[in-house]
Protein backbone atom coordinates (compact mmCIF):
# COMPACT_ATOMS: atom_id res chain seq x y z
CA UNK A 1 0.00 0.00 0.00
CA UNK A 2 1.36 3.43 -0.91
CA UNK A 3 1.36 6.39 1.44
CA UNK A 4 -0.53 9.30 -0.03
CA UNK A 5 0.46 12.96 0.29
CA UNK A 6 4.14 12.55 1.14
CA UNK A 7 6.25 10.29 3.25
CA UNK A 8 5.13 8.77 6.52
CA UNK A 9 7.13 7.82 9.56
CA UNK A 10 6.69 6.31 12.98
CA UNK A 11 6.43 8.46 16.09
CA UNK A 12 6.10 7.31 19.67
CA UNK A 13 4.12 9.37 22.19
CA UNK A 14 4.80 8.80 25.89
CA UNK A 15 3.59 10.70 28.94
CA UNK A 16 3.04 10.31 32.65
CA UNK A 17 -0.39 10.27 34.25
CA UNK A 18 -1.17 11.59 37.70
CA UNK A 19 -4.52 11.32 39.41
CA UNK A 20 -5.63 14.58 37.81
CA UNK A 21 -3.34 15.43 34.88
CA UNK A 22 -1.06 14.26 32.11
CA UNK A 23 2.55 15.31 32.70
CA UNK A 24 5.83 15.21 30.81
CA UNK A 25 4.49 14.42 27.34
CA UNK A 26 7.12 13.65 24.72
CA UNK A 27 7.14 12.53 21.10
CA UNK A 28 10.06 10.44 19.95
CA UNK A 29 10.81 10.17 16.26
CA UNK A 30 10.64 6.50 15.35
CA UNK A 31 9.92 3.56 17.61
CA UNK A 32 11.05 3.89 21.22
CA UNK A 33 13.45 1.25 22.44
CA UNK A 34 14.46 0.46 26.00
CA UNK A 35 17.26 3.02 26.01
CA UNK A 36 14.97 5.82 24.78
CA UNK A 37 12.35 4.92 27.38
CA UNK A 38 14.92 4.81 30.20
CA UNK A 39 16.26 8.22 29.12
CA UNK A 40 12.71 9.62 29.14
CA UNK A 41 12.12 8.29 32.67
CA UNK A 42 15.45 9.61 33.97
CA UNK A 43 15.60 12.99 32.19
CA UNK A 44 11.96 14.01 31.76
CA UNK A 45 9.45 12.11 33.90
CA UNK A 46 11.31 11.87 37.23
CA UNK A 47 12.16 15.60 37.36
CA UNK A 48 8.50 16.42 36.64
CA UNK A 49 7.30 14.05 39.36
CA UNK A 50 9.73 15.52 41.90
CA UNK A 51 8.69 19.05 40.93
CA UNK A 52 5.00 18.15 41.31
CA UNK A 53 5.69 16.63 44.74
CA UNK A 54 7.54 19.76 45.89
CA UNK A 55 11.04 18.28 46.03
CA UNK A 56 13.99 20.42 45.02
CA UNK A 57 16.85 18.65 43.27
CA UNK A 58 20.44 19.65 43.71
C-alpha atoms as a PDB file:
ATOM      1  CA  UNK A   1       0.000   0.000   0.000  1.00  0.00           C
ATOM      2  CA  UNK A   2       1.365   3.430  -0.905  1.00  0.00           C
ATOM      3  CA  UNK A   3       1.358   6.394   1.445  1.00  0.00           C
ATOM      4  CA  UNK A   4      -0.532   9.301  -0.029  1.00  0.00           C
ATOM      5  CA  UNK A   5       0.464  12.962   0.287  1.00  0.00           C
ATOM      6  CA  UNK A   6       4.141  12.551   1.140  1.00  0.00           C
ATOM      7  CA  UNK A   7       6.246  10.287   3.254  1.00  0.00           C
ATOM      8  CA  UNK A   8       5.134   8.771   6.516  1.00  0.00           C
ATOM      9  CA  UNK A   9       7.126   7.819   9.562  1.00  0.00           C
ATOM     10  CA  UNK A  10       6.690   6.314  12.975  1.00  0.00           C
ATOM     11  CA  UNK A  11       6.426   8.464  16.091  1.00  0.00           C
ATOM     12  CA  UNK A  12       6.098   7.313  19.671  1.00  0.00           C
ATOM     13  CA  UNK A  13       4.119   9.372  22.187  1.00  0.00           C
ATOM     14  CA  UNK A  14       4.796   8.795  25.892  1.00  0.00           C
ATOM     15  CA  UNK A  15       3.585  10.703  28.943  1.00  0.00           C
ATOM     16  CA  UNK A  16       3.037  10.313  32.651  1.00  0.00           C
ATOM     17  CA  UNK A  17      -0.389  10.266  34.253  1.00  0.00           C
ATOM     18  CA  UNK A  18      -1.173  11.589  37.696  1.00  0.00           C
ATOM     19  CA  UNK A  19      -4.518  11.324  39.414  1.00  0.00           C
ATOM     20  CA  UNK A  20      -5.632  14.576  37.809  1.00  0.00           C
ATOM     21  CA  UNK A  21      -3.342  15.433  34.881  1.00  0.00           C
ATOM     22  CA  UNK A  22      -1.062  14.261  32.107  1.00  0.00           C
ATOM     23  CA  UNK A  23       2.550  15.309  32.696  1.00  0.00           C
ATOM     24  CA  UNK A  24       5.835  15.215  30.805  1.00  0.00           C
ATOM     25  CA  UNK A  25       4.490  14.425  27.338  1.00  0.00           C
ATOM     26  CA  UNK A  26       7.118  13.646  24.716  1.00  0.00           C
ATOM     27  CA  UNK A  27       7.141  12.530  21.097  1.00  0.00           C
ATOM     28  CA  UNK A  28      10.063  10.436  19.950  1.00  0.00           C
ATOM     29  CA  UNK A  29      10.806  10.171  16.259  1.00  0.00           C
ATOM     30  CA  UNK A  30      10.638   6.499  15.354  1.00  0.00           C
ATOM     31  CA  UNK A  31       9.920   3.555  17.610  1.00  0.00           C
ATOM     32  CA  UNK A  32      11.046   3.889  21.225  1.00  0.00           C
ATOM     33  CA  UNK A  33      13.455   1.251  22.438  1.00  0.00           C
ATOM     34  CA  UNK A  34      14.455   0.459  26.001  1.00  0.00           C
ATOM     35  CA  UNK A  35      17.264   3.023  26.014  1.00  0.00           C
ATOM     36  CA  UNK A  36      14.972   5.817  24.777  1.00  0.00           C
ATOM     37  CA  UNK A  37      12.352   4.923  27.379  1.00  0.00           C
ATOM     38  CA  UNK A  38      14.920   4.807  30.202  1.00  0.00           C
ATOM     39  CA  UNK A  39      16.261   8.221  29.123  1.00  0.00           C
ATOM     40  CA  UNK A  40      12.709   9.617  29.138  1.00  0.00           C
ATOM     41  CA  UNK A  41      12.122   8.287  32.669  1.00  0.00           C
ATOM     42  CA  UNK A  42      15.455   9.608  33.973  1.00  0.00           C
ATOM     43  CA  UNK A  43      15.598  12.989  32.190  1.00  0.00           C
ATOM     44  CA  UNK A  44      11.961  14.011  31.760  1.00  0.00           C
ATOM     45  CA  UNK A  45       9.452  12.106  33.903  1.00  0.00           C
ATOM     46  CA  UNK A  46      11.308  11.869  37.229  1.00  0.00           C
ATOM     47  CA  UNK A  47      12.156  15.599  37.357  1.00  0.00           C
ATOM     48  CA  UNK A  48       8.498  16.422  36.637  1.00  0.00           C
ATOM     49  CA  UNK A  49       7.301  14.046  39.364  1.00  0.00           C
ATOM     50  CA  UNK A  50       9.734  15.523  41.898  1.00  0.00           C
ATOM     51  CA  UNK A  51       8.692  19.051  40.929  1.00  0.00           C
ATOM     52  CA  UNK A  52       4.998  18.152  41.306  1.00  0.00           C
ATOM     53  CA  UNK A  53       5.694  16.629  44.739  1.00  0.00           C
ATOM     54  CA  UNK A  54       7.544  19.756  45.886  1.00  0.00           C
ATOM     55  CA  UNK A  55      11.044  18.277  46.033  1.00  0.00           C
ATOM     56  CA  UNK A  56      13.994  20.419  45.020  1.00  0.00           C
ATOM     57  CA  UNK A  57      16.846  18.645  43.274  1.00  0.00           C
ATOM     58  CA  UNK A  58      20.437  19.645  43.707  1.00  0.00           C
END
